[in-house]
PDB file of N, CA and C in Angstrom:
ATOM      1  N   MET A   1      69.233 -89.868  13.965  1.00  0.00           N
ATOM      2  CA  MET A   1      69.616 -89.400  12.482  1.00  0.00           C
ATOM      3  C   MET A   1      71.288 -89.717  11.908  1.00  0.00           C
ATOM      4  N   ALA A   2      71.431 -90.180  11.249  1.00  0.00           N
ATOM      5  CA  ALA A   2      72.879 -90.629  10.338  1.00  0.00           C
ATOM      6  C   ALA A   2      73.283 -88.969   9.994  1.00  0.00           C
ATOM      7  N   LYS A   3      74.865 -89.010  10.472  1.00  0.00           N
ATOM      8  CA  LYS A   3      75.626 -87.959   9.972  1.00  0.00           C
ATOM      9  C   LYS A   3      75.502 -87.906   8.205  1.00  0.00           C
ATOM     10  N   GLN A   4      75.449 -86.585   7.673  1.00  0.00           N
ATOM     11  CA  GLN A   4      75.278 -86.407   6.475  1.00  0.00           C
ATOM     12  C   GLN A   4      76.356 -85.356   6.052  1.00  0.00           C
ATOM     13  N   ALA A   5      77.143 -85.514   4.871  1.00  0.00           N
ATOM     14  CA  ALA A   5      77.956 -84.580   4.406  1.00  0.00           C
ATOM     15  C   ALA A   5      77.286 -83.348   3.905  1.00  0.00           C
ATOM     16  N   THR A   6      77.700 -81.997   3.611  1.00  0.00           N
ATOM     17  CA  THR A   6      76.926 -81.007   3.157  1.00  0.00           C
ATOM     18  C   THR A   6      78.138 -80.406   2.151  1.00  0.00           C
ATOM     19  N   HIS A   7      77.568 -80.183   0.855  1.00  0.00           N
ATOM     20  CA  HIS A   7      78.127 -79.767  -0.226  1.00  0.00           C
ATOM     21  C   HIS A   7      77.941 -78.201  -0.629  1.00  0.00           C
ATOM     22  N   TYR A   8      78.843 -77.515  -0.977  1.00  0.00           N
ATOM     23  CA  TYR A   8      78.425 -75.820  -0.884  1.00  0.00           C
ATOM     24  C   TYR A   8      79.515 -75.636  -1.981  1.00  0.00           C
ATOM     25  N   ILE A   9      79.051 -74.509  -2.991  1.00  0.00           N
ATOM     26  CA  ILE A   9      79.689 -73.996  -4.065  1.00  0.00           C
ATOM     27  C   ILE A   9      79.874 -72.662  -3.859  1.00  0.00           C
ATOM     28  N   TRP A  10      81.297 -72.164  -4.249  1.00  0.00           N
ATOM     29  CA  TRP A  10      81.419 -70.853  -3.607  1.00  0.00           C
ATOM     30  C   TRP A  10      80.840 -69.827  -4.127  1.00  0.00           C
ATOM     31  N   SER A  11      80.576 -69.912  -5.222  1.00  0.00           N
ATOM     32  CA  SER A  11      79.710 -68.867  -6.081  1.00  0.00           C
ATOM     33  C   SER A  11      78.477 -68.791  -5.767  1.00  0.00           C
ATOM     34  N   ASP A  12      77.673 -69.570  -4.678  1.00  0.00           N
ATOM     35  CA  ASP A  12      76.349 -69.857  -4.451  1.00  0.00           C
ATOM     36  C   ASP A  12      76.638 -68.905  -3.032  1.00  0.00           C
ATOM     37  N   LEU A  13      77.357 -69.011  -2.312  1.00  0.00           N
ATOM     38  CA  LEU A  13      77.424 -68.192  -1.045  1.00  0.00           C
ATOM     39  C   LEU A  13      77.128 -66.822  -1.332  1.00  0.00           C
ATOM     40  N   PRO A  14      76.980 -66.104  -0.362  1.00  0.00           N
ATOM     41  CA  PRO A  14      76.810 -64.602  -0.478  1.00  0.00           C
ATOM     42  C   PRO A  14      78.497 -64.094  -0.076  1.00  0.00           C
ATOM     43  N   SER A  15      78.756 -63.051  -0.599  1.00  0.00           N
ATOM     44  CA  SER A  15      80.048 -62.207  -0.610  1.00  0.00           C
ATOM     45  C   SER A  15      79.670 -61.196   0.191  1.00  0.00           C
ATOM     46  N   GLU A  16      80.661 -60.866   1.542  1.00  0.00           N
ATOM     47  CA  GLU A  16      80.716 -59.711   2.199  1.00  0.00           C
ATOM     48  C   GLU A  16      81.413 -58.882   1.742  1.00  0.00           C
ATOM     49  N   HIS A  17      81.124 -57.476   1.483  1.00  0.00           N
ATOM     50  CA  HIS A  17      82.127 -56.552   1.081  1.00  0.00           C
ATOM     51  C   HIS A  17      82.571 -55.741   2.513  1.00  0.00           C
ATOM     52  N   LEU A  18      83.821 -55.647   2.632  1.00  0.00           N
ATOM     53  CA  LEU A  18      84.508 -55.666   3.829  1.00  0.00           C
ATOM     54  C   LEU A  18      85.469 -53.891   3.454  1.00  0.00           C
ATOM     55  N   ARG A  19      86.558 -53.642   4.136  1.00  0.00           N
ATOM     56  CA  ARG A  19      87.325 -52.792   4.860  1.00  0.00           C
ATOM     57  C   ARG A  19      88.068 -52.532   2.865  1.00  0.00           C
ATOM     58  N   GLY A  20      88.135 -51.564   2.303  1.00  0.00           N
ATOM     59  CA  GLY A  20      88.899 -51.126   1.175  1.00  0.00           C
ATOM     60  C   GLY A  20      88.230 -51.844   0.122  1.00  0.00           C
ATOM     61  N   SER A  21      88.213 -52.936  -0.813  1.00  0.00           N
ATOM     62  CA  SER A  21      87.760 -53.654  -1.670  1.00  0.00           C
ATOM     63  C   SER A  21      87.779 -54.636  -1.429  1.00  0.00           C
ATOM     64  N   ILE A  22      88.386 -55.403  -0.272  1.00  0.00           N
ATOM     65  CA  ILE A  22      88.341 -56.473   0.298  1.00  0.00           C
ATOM     66  C   ILE A  22      87.029 -57.405   0.479  1.00  0.00           C
ATOM     67  N   THR A  23      86.844 -58.837  -0.025  1.00  0.00           N
ATOM     68  CA  THR A  23      85.478 -59.370   0.100  1.00  0.00           C
ATOM     69  C   THR A  23      85.939 -60.711   0.568  1.00  0.00           C
ATOM     70  N   ARG A  24      84.881 -61.293   1.513  1.00  0.00           N
ATOM     71  CA  ARG A  24      85.156 -62.667   1.969  1.00  0.00           C
ATOM     72  C   ARG A  24      83.729 -63.447   1.706  1.00  0.00           C
ATOM     73  N   ARG A  25      83.929 -64.670   1.939  1.00  0.00           N
ATOM     74  CA  ARG A  25      82.695 -65.833   1.911  1.00  0.00           C
ATOM     75  C   ARG A  25      83.277 -66.712   2.591  1.00  0.00           C
ATOM     76  N   PHE A  26      82.656 -67.728   3.309  1.00  0.00           N
ATOM     77  CA  PHE A  26      83.031 -68.879   4.175  1.00  0.00           C
ATOM     78  C   PHE A  26      81.905 -69.862   4.372  1.00  0.00           C
ATOM     79  N   VAL A  27      82.580 -70.803   4.725  1.00  0.00           N
ATOM     80  CA  VAL A  27      81.641 -72.018   5.206  1.00  0.00           C
ATOM     81  C   VAL A  27      82.450 -72.441   6.501  1.00  0.00           C
ATOM     82  N   THR A  28      81.506 -72.737   7.380  1.00  0.00           N
ATOM     83  CA  THR A  28      82.093 -73.203   9.083  1.00  0.00           C
ATOM     84  C   THR A  28      81.171 -74.343   9.293  1.00  0.00           C
ATOM     85  N   SER A  29      81.859 -75.353  10.131  1.00  0.00           N
ATOM     86  CA  SER A  29      81.333 -76.612  10.841  1.00  0.00           C
ATOM     87  C   SER A  29      81.465 -76.182  12.301  1.00  0.00           C
ATOM     88  N   GLU A  30      81.290 -77.170  13.198  1.00  0.00           N
ATOM     89  CA  GLU A  30      81.299 -76.898  14.487  1.00  0.00           C
ATOM     90  C   GLU A  30      83.022 -76.517  15.106  1.00  0.00           C
ATOM     91  N   THR A  31      84.051 -77.020  14.345  1.00  0.00           N
ATOM     92  CA  THR A  31      85.328 -76.985  14.468  1.00  0.00           C
ATOM     93  C   THR A  31      86.212 -76.403  13.909  1.00  0.00           C
ATOM     94  N   VAL A  32      85.935 -76.071  12.265  1.00  0.00           N
ATOM     95  CA  VAL A  32      86.692 -75.768  11.222  1.00  0.00           C
ATOM     96  C   VAL A  32      86.121 -74.461  10.531  1.00  0.00           C
ATOM     97  N   MET A  33      86.653 -73.472   9.999  1.00  0.00           N
ATOM     98  CA  MET A  33      86.093 -72.867   9.181  1.00  0.00           C
ATOM     99  C   MET A  33      87.098 -72.406   7.848  1.00  0.00           C
ATOM    100  N   VAL A  34      86.543 -72.385   6.837  1.00  0.00           N
ATOM    101  CA  VAL A  34      87.277 -72.218   5.478  1.00  0.00           C
ATOM    102  C   VAL A  34      86.308 -70.812   4.927  1.00  0.00           C
ATOM    103  N   GLY A  35      87.365 -69.785   4.472  1.00  0.00           N
ATOM    104  CA  GLY A  35      86.971 -68.622   4.077  1.00  0.00           C
ATOM    105  C   GLY A  35      87.612 -68.088   2.465  1.00  0.00           C
ATOM    106  N   GLU A  36      87.104 -67.849   1.674  1.00  0.00           N
ATOM    107  CA  GLU A  36      87.517 -67.239   0.622  1.00  0.00           C
ATOM    108  C   GLU A  36      87.669 -65.818   0.561  1.00  0.00           C
ATOM    109  N   VAL A  37      88.517 -65.129   0.394  1.00  0.00           N
ATOM    110  CA  VAL A  37      89.049 -64.020   0.686  1.00  0.00           C
ATOM    111  C   VAL A  37      89.714 -62.864  -0.594  1.00  0.00           C
ATOM    112  N   LYS A  38      89.195 -62.245  -0.975  1.00  0.00           N
ATOM    113  CA  LYS A  38      89.922 -61.185  -2.282  1.00  0.00           C
ATOM    114  C   LYS A  38      90.305 -59.902  -1.906  1.00  0.00           C
ATOM    115  N   PHE A  39      91.523 -59.699  -2.421  1.00  0.00           N
ATOM    116  CA  PHE A  39      92.270 -58.492  -2.141  1.00  0.00           C
ATOM    117  C   PHE A  39      92.235 -57.918  -3.586  1.00  0.00           C
ATOM    118  N   ARG A  40      92.284 -56.181  -3.456  1.00  0.00           N
ATOM    119  CA  ARG A  40      92.634 -55.741  -4.611  1.00  0.00           C
ATOM    120  C   ARG A  40      94.417 -55.247  -4.032  1.00  0.00           C
ATOM    121  N   LYS A  41      95.138 -54.906  -5.085  1.00  0.00           N
ATOM    122  CA  LYS A  41      96.498 -54.408  -4.677  1.00  0.00           C
ATOM    123  C   LYS A  41      96.432 -53.043  -3.821  1.00  0.00           C
ATOM    124  N   GLY A  42      97.080 -53.022  -2.732  1.00  0.00           N
ATOM    125  CA  GLY A  42      96.944 -51.797  -1.818  1.00  0.00           C
ATOM    126  C   GLY A  42      95.987 -52.213  -0.476  1.00  0.00           C
ATOM    127  N   ASP A  43      94.941 -53.098  -0.794  1.00  0.00           N
ATOM    128  CA  ASP A  43      93.965 -53.327   0.392  1.00  0.00           C
ATOM    129  C   ASP A  43      95.016 -53.817   1.658  1.00  0.00           C
ATOM    130  N   THR A  44      94.587 -53.323   3.101  1.00  0.00           N
ATOM    131  CA  THR A  44      95.339 -54.032   4.262  1.00  0.00           C
ATOM    132  C   THR A  44      94.164 -54.441   4.981  1.00  0.00           C
ATOM    133  N   VAL A  45      94.940 -55.264   6.141  1.00  0.00           N
ATOM    134  CA  VAL A  45      94.292 -55.629   7.330  1.00  0.00           C
ATOM    135  C   VAL A  45      95.033 -54.927   8.298  1.00  0.00           C
ATOM    136  N   PRO A  46      94.589 -54.330   9.497  1.00  0.00           N
ATOM    137  CA  PRO A  46      95.238 -53.930  10.089  1.00  0.00           C
ATOM    138  C   PRO A  46      95.750 -55.126  11.344  1.00  0.00           C
ATOM    139  N   ARG A  47      96.867 -54.331  12.020  1.00  0.00           N
ATOM    140  CA  ARG A  47      97.404 -55.470  13.185  1.00  0.00           C
ATOM    141  C   ARG A  47      96.389 -56.141  14.005  1.00  0.00           C
ATOM    142  N   HIS A  48      96.009 -57.402  14.318  1.00  0.00           N
ATOM    143  CA  HIS A  48      95.295 -57.810  15.017  1.00  0.00           C
ATOM    144  C   HIS A  48      95.618 -59.293  15.700  1.00  0.00           C
ATOM    145  N   SER A  49      95.003 -59.968  16.394  1.00  0.00           N
ATOM    146  CA  SER A  49      95.194 -61.394  16.924  1.00  0.00           C
ATOM    147  C   SER A  49      93.793 -61.773  17.175  1.00  0.00           C
ATOM    148  N   HIS A  50      93.934 -63.106  17.179  1.00  0.00           N
ATOM    149  CA  HIS A  50      92.737 -63.866  17.763  1.00  0.00           C
ATOM    150  C   HIS A  50      93.319 -65.259  18.328  1.00  0.00           C
ATOM    151  N   PRO A  51      92.368 -65.937  18.997  1.00  0.00           N
ATOM    152  CA  PRO A  51      92.583 -67.077  19.590  1.00  0.00           C
ATOM    153  C   PRO A  51      92.290 -68.259  18.808  1.00  0.00           C
ATOM    154  N   ASN A  52      92.348 -68.265  17.228  1.00  0.00           N
ATOM    155  CA  ASN A  52      92.136 -69.319  16.564  1.00  0.00           C
ATOM    156  C   ASN A  52      93.422 -69.174  15.593  1.00  0.00           C
ATOM    157  N   GLU A  53      93.837 -70.597  15.171  1.00  0.00           N
ATOM    158  CA  GLU A  53      95.028 -71.048  14.658  1.00  0.00           C
ATOM    159  C   GLU A  53      94.600 -70.524  13.241  1.00  0.00           C
ATOM    160  N   GLN A  54      95.336 -70.058  12.050  1.00  0.00           N
ATOM    161  CA  GLN A  54      95.299 -69.712  11.344  1.00  0.00           C
ATOM    162  C   GLN A  54      95.973 -70.355   9.928  1.00  0.00           C
ATOM    163  N   PHE A  55      95.480 -71.049   9.113  1.00  0.00           N
ATOM    164  CA  PHE A  55      96.256 -70.999   7.850  1.00  0.00           C
ATOM    165  C   PHE A  55      95.659 -70.370   6.740  1.00  0.00           C
ATOM    166  N   THR A  56      96.468 -69.329   5.773  1.00  0.00           N
ATOM    167  CA  THR A  56      96.237 -68.691   4.825  1.00  0.00           C
ATOM    168  C   THR A  56      97.255 -69.585   3.541  1.00  0.00           C
ATOM    169  N   HIS A  57      96.017 -70.074   2.564  1.00  0.00           N
ATOM    170  CA  HIS A  57      96.728 -70.632   1.355  1.00  0.00           C
ATOM    171  C   HIS A  57      96.423 -69.613  -0.062  1.00  0.00           C
ATOM    172  N   VAL A  58      97.455 -68.751  -0.734  1.00  0.00           N
ATOM    173  CA  VAL A  58      97.337 -67.533  -1.411  1.00  0.00           C
ATOM    174  C   VAL A  58      96.992 -68.438  -2.810  1.00  0.00           C
ATOM    175  N   ILE A  59      96.243 -68.504  -3.413  1.00  0.00           N
ATOM    176  CA  ILE A  59      96.071 -69.173  -4.595  1.00  0.00           C
ATOM    177  C   ILE A  59      96.450 -68.295  -6.044  1.00  0.00           C
ATOM    178  N   SER A  60      96.271 -66.941  -5.956  1.00  0.00           N
ATOM    179  CA  SER A  60      96.837 -65.967  -7.032  1.00  0.00           C
ATOM    180  C   SER A  60      97.264 -64.615  -6.333  1.00  0.00           C
ATOM    181  N   GLY A  61      98.416 -63.815  -6.994  1.00  0.00           N
ATOM    182  CA  GLY A  61      98.700 -62.825  -5.795  1.00  0.00           C
ATOM    183  C   GLY A  61      99.847 -62.938  -4.979  1.00  0.00           C
ATOM    184  N   ALA A  62      99.939 -61.871  -4.101  1.00  0.00           N
ATOM    185  CA  ALA A  62     100.902 -61.809  -3.197  1.00  0.00           C
ATOM    186  C   ALA A  62     100.356 -60.802  -1.902  1.00  0.00           C
ATOM    187  N   LEU A  63     100.431 -61.439  -0.712  1.00  0.00           N
ATOM    188  CA  LEU A  63     100.195 -60.873   0.464  1.00  0.00           C
ATOM    189  C   LEU A  63     101.483 -60.830   1.152  1.00  0.00           C
ATOM    190  N   LYS A  64     101.575 -59.588   1.789  1.00  0.00           N
ATOM    191  CA  LYS A  64     102.755 -59.169   2.830  1.00  0.00           C
ATOM    192  C   LYS A  64     102.383 -59.176   4.335  1.00  0.00           C
ATOM    193  N   PHE A  65     102.662 -60.417   4.891  1.00  0.00           N
ATOM    194  CA  PHE A  65     102.369 -60.292   6.354  1.00  0.00           C
ATOM    195  C   PHE A  65     103.388 -59.658   7.461  1.00  0.00           C
ATOM    196  N   ALA A  66     103.113 -59.129   8.360  1.00  0.00           N
ATOM    197  CA  ALA A  66     103.941 -58.525   9.527  1.00  0.00           C
ATOM    198  C   ALA A  66     103.544 -59.091  10.571  1.00  0.00           C
ATOM    199  N   PHE A  67     104.398 -59.904  11.206  1.00  0.00           N
ATOM    200  CA  PHE A  67     103.996 -60.675  12.527  1.00  0.00           C
ATOM    201  C   PHE A  67     104.725 -60.038  13.774  1.00  0.00           C
ATOM    202  N   GLY A  68     104.195 -60.102  14.793  1.00  0.00           N
ATOM    203  CA  GLY A  68     104.657 -59.696  16.135  1.00  0.00           C
ATOM    204  C   GLY A  68     103.963 -58.402  16.615  1.00  0.00           C
ATOM    205  N   ASP A  69     104.399 -58.119  17.749  1.00  0.00           N
ATOM    206  CA  ASP A  69     103.984 -56.875  18.534  1.00  0.00           C
ATOM    207  C   ASP A  69     104.274 -55.731  17.585  1.00  0.00           C
ATOM    208  N   GLU A  70     105.618 -55.559  17.083  1.00  0.00           N
ATOM    209  CA  GLU A  70     105.888 -54.402  16.360  1.00  0.00           C
ATOM    210  C   GLU A  70     105.952 -54.922  14.682  1.00  0.00           C
ATOM    211  N   GLY A  71     105.332 -55.806  14.200  1.00  0.00           N
ATOM    212  CA  GLY A  71     105.414 -55.918  12.812  1.00  0.00           C
ATOM    213  C   GLY A  71     106.988 -56.731  12.523  1.00  0.00           C
ATOM    214  N   GLU A  72     107.630 -57.215  13.552  1.00  0.00           N
ATOM    215  CA  GLU A  72     109.070 -57.544  13.399  1.00  0.00           C
ATOM    216  C   GLU A  72     109.414 -58.527  12.336  1.00  0.00           C
ATOM    217  N   GLN A  73     108.697 -59.638  12.212  1.00  0.00           N
ATOM    218  CA  GLN A  73     108.875 -60.595  11.279  1.00  0.00           C
ATOM    219  C   GLN A  73     107.971 -60.313   9.847  1.00  0.00           C
ATOM    220  N   GLU A  74     108.638 -60.129   8.817  1.00  0.00           N
ATOM    221  CA  GLU A  74     107.839 -60.137   7.651  1.00  0.00           C
ATOM    222  C   GLU A  74     107.665 -61.624   6.833  1.00  0.00           C
ATOM    223  N   ILE A  75     106.910 -61.853   5.861  1.00  0.00           N
ATOM    224  CA  ILE A  75     106.878 -62.905   5.318  1.00  0.00           C
ATOM    225  C   ILE A  75     105.992 -62.423   3.982  1.00  0.00           C
ATOM    226  N   VAL A  76     106.425 -62.611   2.602  1.00  0.00           N
ATOM    227  CA  VAL A  76     105.493 -62.437   1.406  1.00  0.00           C
ATOM    228  C   VAL A  76     105.083 -63.886   1.140  1.00  0.00           C
ATOM    229  N   VAL A  77     104.070 -63.880   0.958  1.00  0.00           N
ATOM    230  CA  VAL A  77     103.253 -65.164   0.681  1.00  0.00           C
ATOM    231  C   VAL A  77     102.623 -64.908  -0.999  1.00  0.00           C
ATOM    232  N   GLY A  78     103.334 -65.727  -1.591  1.00  0.00           N
ATOM    233  CA  GLY A  78     102.913 -65.444  -2.967  1.00  0.00           C
ATOM    234  C   GLY A  78     102.079 -66.966  -3.484  1.00  0.00           C
ATOM    235  N   ALA A  79     101.637 -67.039  -4.695  1.00  0.00           N
ATOM    236  CA  ALA A  79     100.807 -67.835  -5.053  1.00  0.00           C
ATOM    237  C   ALA A  79     101.278 -69.419  -5.169  1.00  0.00           C
ATOM    238  N   GLY A  80     100.351 -70.326  -4.016  1.00  0.00           N
ATOM    239  CA  GLY A  80     100.904 -71.514  -3.863  1.00  0.00           C
ATOM    240  C   GLY A  80     101.471 -71.673  -2.549  1.00  0.00           C
ATOM    241  N   GLY A  81     102.024 -70.357  -1.887  1.00  0.00           N
ATOM    242  CA  GLY A  81     102.418 -70.589  -0.695  1.00  0.00           C
ATOM    243  C   GLY A  81     101.213 -70.531   0.317  1.00  0.00           C
ATOM    244  N   ILE A  82     101.781 -70.891   1.736  1.00  0.00           N
ATOM    245  CA  ILE A  82     100.667 -71.350   2.618  1.00  0.00           C
ATOM    246  C   ILE A  82     101.481 -70.695   3.822  1.00  0.00           C
ATOM    247  N   VAL A  83     100.797 -69.931   5.088  1.00  0.00           N
ATOM    248  CA  VAL A  83     101.602 -69.134   5.865  1.00  0.00           C
ATOM    249  C   VAL A  83     100.632 -70.076   7.043  1.00  0.00           C
ATOM    250  N   VAL A  84     101.398 -70.534   8.339  1.00  0.00           N
ATOM    251  CA  VAL A  84     100.240 -70.913   9.265  1.00  0.00           C
ATOM    252  C   VAL A  84     100.929 -69.954  10.383  1.00  0.00           C
ATOM    253  N   ILE A  85      99.540 -69.288  11.021  1.00  0.00           N
ATOM    254  CA  ILE A  85      99.703 -68.236  12.095  1.00  0.00           C
ATOM    255  C   ILE A  85      99.078 -68.955  13.435  1.00  0.00           C
ATOM    256  N   PRO A  86     100.225 -68.979  14.283  1.00  0.00           N
ATOM    257  CA  PRO A  86      99.741 -69.646  15.444  1.00  0.00           C
ATOM    258  C   PRO A  86      98.668 -68.653  16.353  1.00  0.00           C
ATOM    259  N   SER A  87      97.969 -69.345  17.159  1.00  0.00           N
ATOM    260  CA  SER A  87      96.894 -68.610  17.936  1.00  0.00           C
ATOM    261  C   SER A  87      97.594 -67.704  19.135  1.00  0.00           C
ATOM    262  N   GLY A  88      97.088 -66.180  18.861  1.00  0.00           N
ATOM    263  CA  GLY A  88      97.260 -65.201  19.734  1.00  0.00           C
ATOM    264  C   GLY A  88      98.747 -64.010  19.403  1.00  0.00           C
ATOM    265  N   LEU A  89      99.086 -64.853  17.627  1.00  0.00           N
ATOM    266  CA  LEU A  89     100.046 -64.003  17.576  1.00  0.00           C
ATOM    267  C   LEU A  89      99.385 -62.765  16.483  1.00  0.00           C
ATOM    268  N   PRO A  90      99.982 -61.493  17.057  1.00  0.00           N
ATOM    269  CA  PRO A  90      99.783 -60.349  16.097  1.00  0.00           C
ATOM    270  C   PRO A  90     100.259 -60.415  14.671  1.00  0.00           C
ATOM    271  N   HIS A  91      99.399 -59.820  13.922  1.00  0.00           N
ATOM    272  CA  HIS A  91      99.680 -59.963  12.526  1.00  0.00           C
ATOM    273  C   HIS A  91      98.807 -58.971  11.825  1.00  0.00           C
ATOM    274  N   SER A  92      99.429 -58.279  10.514  1.00  0.00           N
ATOM    275  CA  SER A  92      98.906 -57.513   9.349  1.00  0.00           C
ATOM    276  C   SER A  92      98.972 -57.779   8.438  1.00  0.00           C
ATOM    277  N   VAL A  93      98.350 -57.551   7.485  1.00  0.00           N
ATOM    278  CA  VAL A  93      98.594 -57.687   5.895  1.00  0.00           C
ATOM    279  C   VAL A  93      98.554 -56.966   4.979  1.00  0.00           C
ATOM    280  N   GLU A  94      99.271 -56.496   3.722  1.00  0.00           N
ATOM    281  CA  GLU A  94      99.288 -55.828   2.574  1.00  0.00           C
ATOM    282  C   GLU A  94      98.916 -56.519   1.849  1.00  0.00           C
ATOM    283  N   ALA A  95      98.070 -56.560   0.627  1.00  0.00           N
ATOM    284  CA  ALA A  95      98.250 -57.052  -0.628  1.00  0.00           C
ATOM    285  C   ALA A  95      98.980 -56.336  -1.517  1.00  0.00           C
ATOM    286  N   LEU A  96      99.981 -57.061  -2.011  1.00  0.00           N
ATOM    287  CA  LEU A  96     101.022 -56.269  -3.136  1.00  0.00           C
ATOM    288  C   LEU A  96     100.484 -56.614  -4.415  1.00  0.00           C
ATOM    289  N   GLU A  97      99.243 -57.144  -4.839  1.00  0.00           N
ATOM    290  CA  GLU A  97      98.943 -57.570  -6.144  1.00  0.00           C
ATOM    291  C   GLU A  97      97.367 -58.152  -5.635  1.00  0.00           C
ATOM    292  N   ASP A  98      96.608 -57.678  -7.120  1.00  0.00           N
ATOM    293  CA  ASP A  98      95.224 -58.269  -6.540  1.00  0.00           C
ATOM    294  C   ASP A  98      95.655 -59.794  -6.243  1.00  0.00           C
ATOM    295  N   THR A  99      94.667 -60.576  -5.064  1.00  0.00           N
ATOM    296  CA  THR A  99      95.139 -61.508  -4.545  1.00  0.00           C
ATOM    297  C   THR A  99      93.443 -62.214  -4.146  1.00  0.00           C
ATOM    298  N   LEU A 100      93.790 -63.486  -4.730  1.00  0.00           N
ATOM    299  CA  LEU A 100      92.802 -64.622  -3.857  1.00  0.00           C
ATOM    300  C   LEU A 100      93.307 -65.626  -3.093  1.00  0.00           C
ATOM    301  N   GLU A 101      92.877 -66.013  -1.726  1.00  0.00           N
ATOM    302  CA  GLU A 101      93.357 -66.540  -0.702  1.00  0.00           C
ATOM    303  C   GLU A 101      92.472 -67.256  -0.015  1.00  0.00           C
ATOM    304  N   TYR A 102      92.726 -68.440   0.724  1.00  0.00           N
ATOM    305  CA  TYR A 102      91.668 -68.974   1.381  1.00  0.00           C
ATOM    306  C   TYR A 102      92.191 -69.245   2.759  1.00  0.00           C
ATOM    307  N   ASP A 103      91.501 -68.771   3.858  1.00  0.00           N
ATOM    308  CA  ASP A 103      91.568 -69.006   5.330  1.00  0.00           C
ATOM    309  C   ASP A 103      91.032 -70.030   5.892  1.00  0.00           C
ATOM    310  N   ILE A 104      91.901 -70.693   6.593  1.00  0.00           N
ATOM    311  CA  ILE A 104      91.292 -71.852   7.379  1.00  0.00           C
ATOM    312  C   ILE A 104      91.376 -71.249   8.927  1.00  0.00           C
ATOM    313  N   PHE A 105      90.349 -71.651   9.665  1.00  0.00           N
ATOM    314  CA  PHE A 105      90.684 -71.399  11.027  1.00  0.00           C
ATOM    315  C   PHE A 105      90.047 -72.590  12.018  1.00  0.00           C
ATOM    316  N   ASN A 106      90.752 -72.631  13.033  1.00  0.00           N
ATOM    317  CA  ASN A 106      90.057 -73.947  14.079  1.00  0.00           C
ATOM    318  C   ASN A 106      90.629 -72.992  15.284  1.00  0.00           C
ATOM    319  N   PRO A 107      89.283 -72.807  16.198  1.00  0.00           N
ATOM    320  CA  PRO A 107      88.237 -73.200  15.948  1.00  0.00           C
ATOM    321  C   PRO A 107      87.568 -71.968  15.027  1.00  0.00           C
ATOM    322  N   PRO A 108      86.390 -72.094  14.341  1.00  0.00           N
ATOM    323  CA  PRO A 108      85.763 -70.896  13.667  1.00  0.00           C
ATOM    324  C   PRO A 108      85.746 -69.545  14.425  1.00  0.00           C
ATOM    325  N   ARG A 109      86.044 -68.642  13.362  1.00  0.00           N
ATOM    326  CA  ARG A 109      86.153 -67.145  14.032  1.00  0.00           C
ATOM    327  C   ARG A 109      84.662 -66.824  14.547  1.00  0.00           C
ATOM    328  N   GLN A 110      84.400 -66.361  15.333  1.00  0.00           N
ATOM    329  CA  GLN A 110      83.421 -65.703  15.987  1.00  0.00           C
ATOM    330  C   GLN A 110      82.992 -64.542  15.476  1.00  0.00           C
ATOM    331  N   ASP A 111      83.992 -63.506  15.383  1.00  0.00           N
ATOM    332  CA  ASP A 111      83.735 -62.175  14.828  1.00  0.00           C
ATOM    333  C   ASP A 111      83.483 -62.196  13.503  1.00  0.00           C
ATOM    334  N   TRP A 112      83.967 -63.481  12.520  1.00  0.00           N
ATOM    335  CA  TRP A 112      83.411 -63.421  10.867  1.00  0.00           C
ATOM    336  C   TRP A 112      81.755 -63.782  10.959  1.00  0.00           C
ATOM    337  N   ILE A 113      81.515 -64.718  11.864  1.00  0.00           N
ATOM    338  CA  ILE A 113      80.219 -64.848  11.950  1.00  0.00           C
ATOM    339  C   ILE A 113      79.090 -64.281  12.287  1.00  0.00           C
ATOM    340  N   ASP A 114      79.345 -63.083  13.626  1.00  0.00           N
ATOM    341  CA  ASP A 114      78.614 -62.273  14.029  1.00  0.00           C
ATOM    342  C   ASP A 114      78.368 -60.935  13.375  1.00  0.00           C
ATOM    343  N   PRO A 115      77.277 -61.046  12.395  1.00  0.00           N
ATOM    344  CA  PRO A 115      77.431 -59.502  11.629  1.00  0.00           C
ATOM    345  C   PRO A 115      77.475 -58.458  12.500  1.00  0.00           C
ATOM    346  N   ALA A 116      77.335 -58.320  13.509  1.00  0.00           N
ATOM    347  CA  ALA A 116      77.702 -57.097  14.586  1.00  0.00           C
ATOM    348  C   ALA A 116      78.802 -56.992  14.911  1.00  0.00           C
ATOM    349  N   SER A 117      79.795 -57.643  14.472  1.00  0.00           N
ATOM    350  CA  SER A 117      81.220 -57.685  14.753  1.00  0.00           C
ATOM    351  C   SER A 117      81.703 -56.491  13.782  1.00  0.00           C
ATOM    352  N   GLY A 118      82.555 -55.400  14.510  1.00  0.00           N
ATOM    353  CA  GLY A 118      83.159 -54.618  13.850  1.00  0.00           C
ATOM    354  C   GLY A 118      84.620 -54.652  12.762  1.00  0.00           C
ATOM    355  N   PHE A 119      84.981 -56.047  12.807  1.00  0.00           N
ATOM    356  CA  PHE A 119      86.483 -56.152  12.704  1.00  0.00           C
ATOM    357  C   PHE A 119      86.333 -56.054  10.956  1.00  0.00           C
ATOM    358  N   LEU A 120      86.978 -55.239  10.357  1.00  0.00           N
ATOM    359  CA  LEU A 120      87.031 -55.462   9.187  1.00  0.00           C
ATOM    360  C   LEU A 120      85.640 -54.934   8.380  1.00  0.00           C
ATOM    361  N   ARG A 121      84.689 -54.793   8.996  1.00  0.00           N
ATOM    362  CA  ARG A 121      83.353 -54.223   8.574  1.00  0.00           C
ATOM    363  C   ARG A 121      83.413 -52.878   8.846  1.00  0.00           C
ATOM    364  N   GLY A 122      82.702 -52.359   7.128  1.00  0.00           N
ATOM    365  CA  GLY A 122      82.380 -51.139   7.019  1.00  0.00           C
ATOM    366  C   GLY A 122      83.569 -50.123   7.062  1.00  0.00           C
TER     367      GLY A 122
END
């Protein structure tokens, strides 16, 4: 069978409620994942790391990232900004404003795909 393209519309995809008022939905292929994530001001993502390389593109709002074992590098990413997070780099996030952002992961994050994963859920 010949390869075929797949078309998605964000608003047609299920949105998953996570920690605080964070919501996400995502599309994945065998090698790449793209996630739409929405935060309310004050939402946080605790320090964590993963084997996936990550690009975060902020569309609106602002996120403060803390990188490293002790959060020694801080970067505020506002609308139009992109941060590239290498594989294995510990990081945490705080929403400084209501924020819409898109994450791109390579390879796809299995903890996002697996509904039994506890990361950010509940």
